[in-house]
Amino acid sequence: MLDTARLSDVIKQQGLTVSTLADNIGIDRSTFYRKLKSGGGTFLLWEIDSIVKYLGLTGHDALDIFLS
């Protein structure tokens, strides 16, 4: 399950918003918010990969956030 609090913290630390992240990785904002609200279990692999790459997460950080 996704650690939504940690993902939100990383987004804020980078000076981004969830809306900005969603726009930049090609996910509709409302879809992104809905997936976060549901615990992140519905994110597709390409979406997770895009988030990880855009935020520049290390493998360890990505595992902590997406497989907590």
PDB file of N, CA and C in Angstrom:
ATOM      1  N   MET A   1       0.840  -1.180   0.000  1.00  0.00           N
ATOM      2  CA  MET A   1       0.000   0.000   0.000  1.00  0.00           C
ATOM      3  C   MET A   1       0.882   1.240   0.000  1.00  0.00           C
ATOM      4  N   LEU A   2       0.414   2.247  -0.636  1.00  0.00           N
ATOM      5  CA  LEU A   2       1.135   3.497  -0.790  1.00  0.00           C
ATOM      6  C   LEU A   2       1.172   4.273   0.520  1.00  0.00           C
ATOM      7  N   ASP A   3       2.337   4.811   0.847  1.00  0.00           N
ATOM      8  CA  ASP A   3       2.482   5.704   1.998  1.00  0.00           C
ATOM      9  C   ASP A   3       2.173   7.107   1.494  1.00  0.00           C
ATOM     10  N   THR A   4       0.894   7.471   1.510  1.00  0.00           N
ATOM     11  CA  THR A   4       0.453   8.740   0.930  1.00  0.00           C
ATOM     12  C   THR A   4       1.054   9.934   1.655  1.00  0.00           C
ATOM     13  N   ALA A   5       1.226   9.833   2.963  1.00  0.00           N
ATOM     14  CA  ALA A   5       1.800  10.938   3.731  1.00  0.00           C
ATOM     15  C   ALA A   5       3.240  11.195   3.291  1.00  0.00           C
ATOM     16  N   ARG A   6       3.996  10.131   3.121  1.00  0.00           N
ATOM     17  CA  ARG A   6       5.400  10.284   2.711  1.00  0.00           C
ATOM     18  C   ARG A   6       5.492  10.821   1.290  1.00  0.00           C
ATOM     19  N   LEU A   7       4.639  10.327   0.396  1.00  0.00           N
ATOM     20  CA  LEU A   7       4.642  10.838  -0.976  1.00  0.00           C
ATOM     21  C   LEU A   7       4.299  12.325  -0.980  1.00  0.00           C
ATOM     22  N   SER A   8       3.308  12.711  -0.214  1.00  0.00           N
ATOM     23  CA  SER A   8       2.927  14.123  -0.128  1.00  0.00           C
ATOM     24  C   SER A   8       4.077  14.970   0.411  1.00  0.00           C
ATOM     25  N   ASP A   9       4.793  14.453   1.391  1.00  0.00           N
ATOM     26  CA  ASP A   9       5.944  15.169   1.948  1.00  0.00           C
ATOM     27  C   ASP A   9       7.025  15.379   0.894  1.00  0.00           C
ATOM     28  N   VAL A  10       7.314  14.342   0.119  1.00  0.00           N
ATOM     29  CA  VAL A  10       8.336  14.441  -0.924  1.00  0.00           C
ATOM     30  C   VAL A  10       7.919  15.462  -1.977  1.00  0.00           C
ATOM     31  N   ILE A  11       6.658  15.435  -2.346  1.00  0.00           N
ATOM     32  CA  ILE A  11       6.143  16.389  -3.335  1.00  0.00           C
ATOM     33  C   ILE A  11       6.324  17.816  -2.818  1.00  0.00           C
ATOM     34  N   LYS A  12       5.953  18.051  -1.565  1.00  0.00           N
ATOM     35  CA  LYS A  12       6.078  19.390  -0.969  1.00  0.00           C
ATOM     36  C   LYS A  12       7.533  19.803  -0.823  1.00  0.00           C
ATOM     37  N   GLN A  13       8.411  18.872  -0.431  1.00  0.00           N
ATOM     38  CA  GLN A  13       9.833  19.182  -0.263  1.00  0.00           C
ATOM     39  C   GLN A  13      10.460  19.650  -1.569  1.00  0.00           C
ATOM     40  N   GLN A  14       9.933  19.175  -2.674  1.00  0.00           N
ATOM     41  CA  GLN A  14      10.466  19.563  -3.976  1.00  0.00           C
ATOM     42  C   GLN A  14       9.785  20.814  -4.527  1.00  0.00           C
ATOM     43  N   GLY A  15       8.926  21.423  -3.708  1.00  0.00           N
ATOM     44  CA  GLY A  15       8.262  22.651  -4.116  1.00  0.00           C
ATOM     45  C   GLY A  15       7.176  22.451  -5.151  1.00  0.00           C
ATOM     46  N   LEU A  16       6.628  21.248  -5.192  1.00  0.00           N
ATOM     47  CA  LEU A  16       5.577  20.913  -6.151  1.00  0.00           C
ATOM     48  C   LEU A  16       4.240  20.782  -5.451  1.00  0.00           C
ATOM     49  N   THR A  17       3.205  20.669  -6.247  1.00  0.00           N
ATOM     50  CA  THR A  17       1.885  20.317  -5.747  1.00  0.00           C
ATOM     51  C   THR A  17       1.480  19.009  -6.412  1.00  0.00           C
ATOM     52  N   VAL A  18       0.486  18.369  -5.860  1.00  0.00           N
ATOM     53  CA  VAL A  18      -0.016  17.134  -6.460  1.00  0.00           C
ATOM     54  C   VAL A  18      -0.520  17.426  -7.872  1.00  0.00           C
ATOM     55  N   SER A  19      -1.180  18.551  -8.046  1.00  0.00           N
ATOM     56  CA  SER A  19      -1.694  18.921  -9.370  1.00  0.00           C
ATOM     57  C   SER A  19      -0.565  19.080 -10.380  1.00  0.00           C
ATOM     58  N   THR A  20       0.510  19.743  -9.973  1.00  0.00           N
ATOM     59  CA  THR A  20       1.654  19.940 -10.855  1.00  0.00           C
ATOM     60  C   THR A  20       2.284  18.603 -11.238  1.00  0.00           C
ATOM     61  N   LEU A  21       2.452  17.741 -10.250  1.00  0.00           N
ATOM     62  CA  LEU A  21       3.020  16.422 -10.512  1.00  0.00           C
ATOM     63  C   LEU A  21       2.141  15.649 -11.492  1.00  0.00           C
ATOM     64  N   ALA A  22       0.850  15.633 -11.227  1.00  0.00           N
ATOM     65  CA  ALA A  22      -0.077  14.911 -12.099  1.00  0.00           C
ATOM     66  C   ALA A  22       0.005  15.429 -13.531  1.00  0.00           C
ATOM     67  N   ASP A  23      -0.001  16.744 -13.692  1.00  0.00           N
ATOM     68  CA  ASP A  23       0.084  17.341 -15.031  1.00  0.00           C
ATOM     69  C   ASP A  23       1.372  16.942 -15.741  1.00  0.00           C
ATOM     70  N   ASN A  24       2.480  16.954 -15.013  1.00  0.00           N
ATOM     71  CA  ASN A  24       3.783  16.699 -15.623  1.00  0.00           C
ATOM     72  C   ASN A  24       4.027  15.238 -15.973  1.00  0.00           C
ATOM     73  N   ILE A  25       3.312  14.326 -15.333  1.00  0.00           N
ATOM     74  CA  ILE A  25       3.500  12.914 -15.677  1.00  0.00           C
ATOM     75  C   ILE A  25       2.365  12.369 -16.536  1.00  0.00           C
ATOM     76  N   GLY A  26       1.396  13.214 -16.847  1.00  0.00           N
ATOM     77  CA  GLY A  26       0.353  12.822 -17.790  1.00  0.00           C
ATOM     78  C   GLY A  26      -0.831  12.084 -17.189  1.00  0.00           C
ATOM     79  N   ILE A  27      -1.120  12.362 -15.923  1.00  0.00           N
ATOM     80  CA  ILE A  27      -2.294  11.771 -15.279  1.00  0.00           C
ATOM     81  C   ILE A  27      -3.274  12.902 -14.981  1.00  0.00           C
ATOM     82  N   ASP A  28      -4.540  12.684 -15.283  1.00  0.00           N
ATOM     83  CA  ASP A  28      -5.556  13.673 -14.963  1.00  0.00           C
ATOM     84  C   ASP A  28      -5.515  13.972 -13.462  1.00  0.00           C
ATOM     85  N   ARG A  29      -5.630  15.240 -13.105  1.00  0.00           N
ATOM     86  CA  ARG A  29      -5.541  15.637 -11.692  1.00  0.00           C
ATOM     87  C   ARG A  29      -6.561  14.922 -10.812  1.00  0.00           C
ATOM     88  N   SER A  30      -7.792  14.864 -11.266  1.00  0.00           N
ATOM     89  CA  SER A  30      -8.831  14.232 -10.450  1.00  0.00           C
ATOM     90  C   SER A  30      -8.570  12.740 -10.283  1.00  0.00           C
ATOM     91  N   THR A  31      -8.041  12.116 -11.316  1.00  0.00           N
ATOM     92  CA  THR A  31      -7.684  10.699 -11.235  1.00  0.00           C
ATOM     93  C   THR A  31      -6.571  10.497 -10.220  1.00  0.00           C
ATOM     94  N   PHE A  32      -5.561  11.367 -10.263  1.00  0.00           N
ATOM     95  CA  PHE A  32      -4.442  11.266  -9.333  1.00  0.00           C
ATOM     96  C   PHE A  32      -4.921  11.414  -7.893  1.00  0.00           C
ATOM     97  N   TYR A  33      -5.735  12.435  -7.644  1.00  0.00           N
ATOM     98  CA  TYR A  33      -6.273  12.650  -6.292  1.00  0.00           C
ATOM     99  C   TYR A  33      -7.113  11.455  -5.838  1.00  0.00           C
ATOM    100  N   ARG A  34      -7.925  10.911  -6.738  1.00  0.00           N
ATOM    101  CA  ARG A  34      -8.764   9.759  -6.394  1.00  0.00           C
ATOM    102  C   ARG A  34      -7.901   8.554  -6.019  1.00  0.00           C
ATOM    103  N   LYS A  35      -6.836   8.343  -6.771  1.00  0.00           N
ATOM    104  CA  LYS A  35      -5.950   7.218  -6.479  1.00  0.00           C
ATOM    105  C   LYS A  35      -5.235   7.419  -5.146  1.00  0.00           C
ATOM    106  N   LEU A  36      -4.838   8.639  -4.841  1.00  0.00           N
ATOM    107  CA  LEU A  36      -4.223   8.911  -3.538  1.00  0.00           C
ATOM    108  C   LEU A  36      -5.217   8.663  -2.409  1.00  0.00           C
ATOM    109  N   LYS A  37      -6.436   9.148  -2.593  1.00  0.00           N
ATOM    110  CA  LYS A  37      -7.458   9.006  -1.552  1.00  0.00           C
ATOM    111  C   LYS A  37      -7.800   7.544  -1.284  1.00  0.00           C
ATOM    112  N   SER A  38      -7.713   6.712  -2.306  1.00  0.00           N
ATOM    113  CA  SER A  38      -8.056   5.295  -2.146  1.00  0.00           C
ATOM    114  C   SER A  38      -6.880   4.472  -1.609  1.00  0.00           C
ATOM    115  N   GLY A  39      -5.775   5.138  -1.281  1.00  0.00           N
ATOM    116  CA  GLY A  39      -4.629   4.436  -0.720  1.00  0.00           C
ATOM    117  C   GLY A  39      -3.558   4.094  -1.730  1.00  0.00           C
ATOM    118  N   GLY A  40      -3.757   4.470  -2.975  1.00  0.00           N
ATOM    119  CA  GLY A  40      -2.736   4.285  -3.991  1.00  0.00           C
ATOM    120  C   GLY A  40      -2.675   2.919  -4.638  1.00  0.00           C
ATOM    121  N   GLY A  41      -3.527   2.015  -4.217  1.00  0.00           N
ATOM    122  CA  GLY A  41      -3.482   0.663  -4.760  1.00  0.00           C
ATOM    123  C   GLY A  41      -3.873   0.557  -6.217  1.00  0.00           C
ATOM    124  N   THR A  42      -4.451   1.614  -6.766  1.00  0.00           N
ATOM    125  CA  THR A  42      -4.894   1.560  -8.154  1.00  0.00           C
ATOM    126  C   THR A  42      -3.928   2.244  -9.114  1.00  0.00           C
ATOM    127  N   PHE A  43      -2.780   2.715  -8.609  1.00  0.00           N
ATOM    128  CA  PHE A  43      -1.790   3.286  -9.518  1.00  0.00           C
ATOM    129  C   PHE A  43      -1.268   2.178 -10.424  1.00  0.00           C
ATOM    130  N   LEU A  44      -1.158   2.481 -11.697  1.00  0.00           N
ATOM    131  CA  LEU A  44      -0.595   1.541 -12.662  1.00  0.00           C
ATOM    132  C   LEU A  44       0.923   1.615 -12.600  1.00  0.00           C
ATOM    133  N   LEU A  45       1.573   0.569 -13.074  1.00  0.00           N
ATOM    134  CA  LEU A  45       3.023   0.511 -13.008  1.00  0.00           C
ATOM    135  C   LEU A  45       3.676   1.682 -13.734  1.00  0.00           C
ATOM    136  N   TRP A  46       3.161   2.042 -14.899  1.00  0.00           N
ATOM    137  CA  TRP A  46       3.756   3.160 -15.637  1.00  0.00           C
ATOM    138  C   TRP A  46       3.580   4.463 -14.878  1.00  0.00           C
ATOM    139  N   GLU A  47       2.483   4.595 -14.134  1.00  0.00           N
ATOM    140  CA  GLU A  47       2.265   5.807 -13.345  1.00  0.00           C
ATOM    141  C   GLU A  47       3.267   5.889 -12.203  1.00  0.00           C
ATOM    142  N   ILE A  48       3.473   4.768 -11.528  1.00  0.00           N
ATOM    143  CA  ILE A  48       4.453   4.727 -10.434  1.00  0.00           C
ATOM    144  C   ILE A  48       5.837   5.028 -10.985  1.00  0.00           C
ATOM    145  N   ASP A  49       6.181   4.418 -12.100  1.00  0.00           N
ATOM    146  CA  ASP A  49       7.486   4.654 -12.722  1.00  0.00           C
ATOM    147  C   ASP A  49       7.658   6.129 -13.066  1.00  0.00           C
ATOM    148  N   SER A  50       6.623   6.739 -13.593  1.00  0.00           N
ATOM    149  CA  SER A  50       6.675   8.165 -13.945  1.00  0.00           C
ATOM    150  C   SER A  50       6.855   9.039 -12.713  1.00  0.00           C
ATOM    151  N   ILE A  51       6.147   8.703 -11.641  1.00  0.00           N
ATOM    152  CA  ILE A  51       6.262   9.464 -10.393  1.00  0.00           C
ATOM    153  C   ILE A  51       7.689   9.347  -9.847  1.00  0.00           C
ATOM    154  N   VAL A  52       8.197   8.134  -9.800  1.00  0.00           N
ATOM    155  CA  VAL A  52       9.548   7.884  -9.279  1.00  0.00           C
ATOM    156  C   VAL A  52      10.580   8.671 -10.081  1.00  0.00           C
ATOM    157  N   LYS A  53      10.488   8.608 -11.399  1.00  0.00           N
ATOM    158  CA  LYS A  53      11.450   9.305 -12.243  1.00  0.00           C
ATOM    159  C   LYS A  53      11.323  10.818 -12.122  1.00  0.00           C
ATOM    160  N   TYR A  54      10.101  11.325 -12.125  1.00  0.00           N
ATOM    161  CA  TYR A  54       9.897  12.774 -12.066  1.00  0.00           C
ATOM    162  C   TYR A  54      10.399  13.345 -10.747  1.00  0.00           C
ATOM    163  N   LEU A  55      10.155  12.617  -9.659  1.00  0.00           N
ATOM    164  CA  LEU A  55      10.592  13.089  -8.350  1.00  0.00           C
ATOM    165  C   LEU A  55      12.050  12.752  -8.062  1.00  0.00           C
ATOM    166  N   GLY A  56      12.669  11.939  -8.918  1.00  0.00           N
ATOM    167  CA  GLY A  56      14.062  11.565  -8.732  1.00  0.00           C
ATOM    168  C   GLY A  56      14.286  10.720  -7.479  1.00  0.00           C
ATOM    169  N   LEU A  57      13.328   9.837  -7.197  1.00  0.00           N
ATOM    170  CA  LEU A  57      13.424   9.002  -5.998  1.00  0.00           C
ATOM    171  C   LEU A  57      14.469   7.907  -6.173  1.00  0.00           C
ATOM    172  N   THR A  58      15.154   7.598  -5.092  1.00  0.00           N
ATOM    173  CA  THR A  58      16.057   6.448  -5.114  1.00  0.00           C
ATOM    174  C   THR A  58      15.210   5.186  -5.075  1.00  0.00           C
ATOM    175  N   GLY A  59      15.837   4.058  -5.396  1.00  0.00           N
ATOM    176  CA  GLY A  59      15.113   2.788  -5.332  1.00  0.00           C
ATOM    177  C   GLY A  59      14.579   2.508  -3.939  1.00  0.00           C
ATOM    178  N   HIS A  60      15.404   2.821  -2.942  1.00  0.00           N
ATOM    179  CA  HIS A  60      15.002   2.600  -1.549  1.00  0.00           C
ATOM    180  C   HIS A  60      13.792   3.471  -1.185  1.00  0.00           C
ATOM    181  N   ASP A  61      13.847   4.746  -1.553  1.00  0.00           N
ATOM    182  CA  ASP A  61      12.725   5.649  -1.266  1.00  0.00           C
ATOM    183  C   ASP A  61      11.453   5.193  -1.983  1.00  0.00           C
ATOM    184  N   ALA A  62      11.604   4.778  -3.233  1.00  0.00           N
ATOM    185  CA  ALA A  62      10.449   4.321  -4.005  1.00  0.00           C
ATOM    186  C   ALA A  62       9.803   3.105  -3.343  1.00  0.00           C
ATOM    187  N   LEU A  63      10.616   2.173  -2.893  1.00  0.00           N
ATOM    188  CA  LEU A  63      10.077   0.994  -2.208  1.00  0.00           C
ATOM    189  C   LEU A  63       9.374   1.382  -0.912  1.00  0.00           C
ATOM    190  N   ASP A  64       9.988   2.296  -0.167  1.00  0.00           N
ATOM    191  CA  ASP A  64       9.377   2.741   1.095  1.00  0.00           C
ATOM    192  C   ASP A  64       8.030   3.415   0.869  1.00  0.00           C
ATOM    193  N   ILE A  65       7.935   4.172  -0.199  1.00  0.00           N
ATOM    194  CA  ILE A  65       6.689   4.901  -0.472  1.00  0.00           C
ATOM    195  C   ILE A  65       5.628   3.986  -1.086  1.00  0.00           C
ATOM    196  N   PHE A  66       5.995   3.210  -2.078  1.00  0.00           N
ATOM    197  CA  PHE A  66       5.006   2.462  -2.843  1.00  0.00           C
ATOM    198  C   PHE A  66       4.745   1.050  -2.340  1.00  0.00           C
ATOM    199  N   LEU A  67       5.602   0.533  -1.501  1.00  0.00           N
ATOM    200  CA  LEU A  67       5.393  -0.824  -0.989  1.00  0.00           C
ATOM    201  C   LEU A  67       5.450  -0.872   0.537  1.00  0.00           C
ATOM    202  N   SER A  68       4.976   0.185   1.167  1.00  0.00           N
ATOM    203  CA  SER A  68       5.017   0.233   2.639  1.00  0.00           C
ATOM    204  C   SER A  68       3.948  -0.626   3.254  1.00  0.00           C
TER     205      SER A  68
END
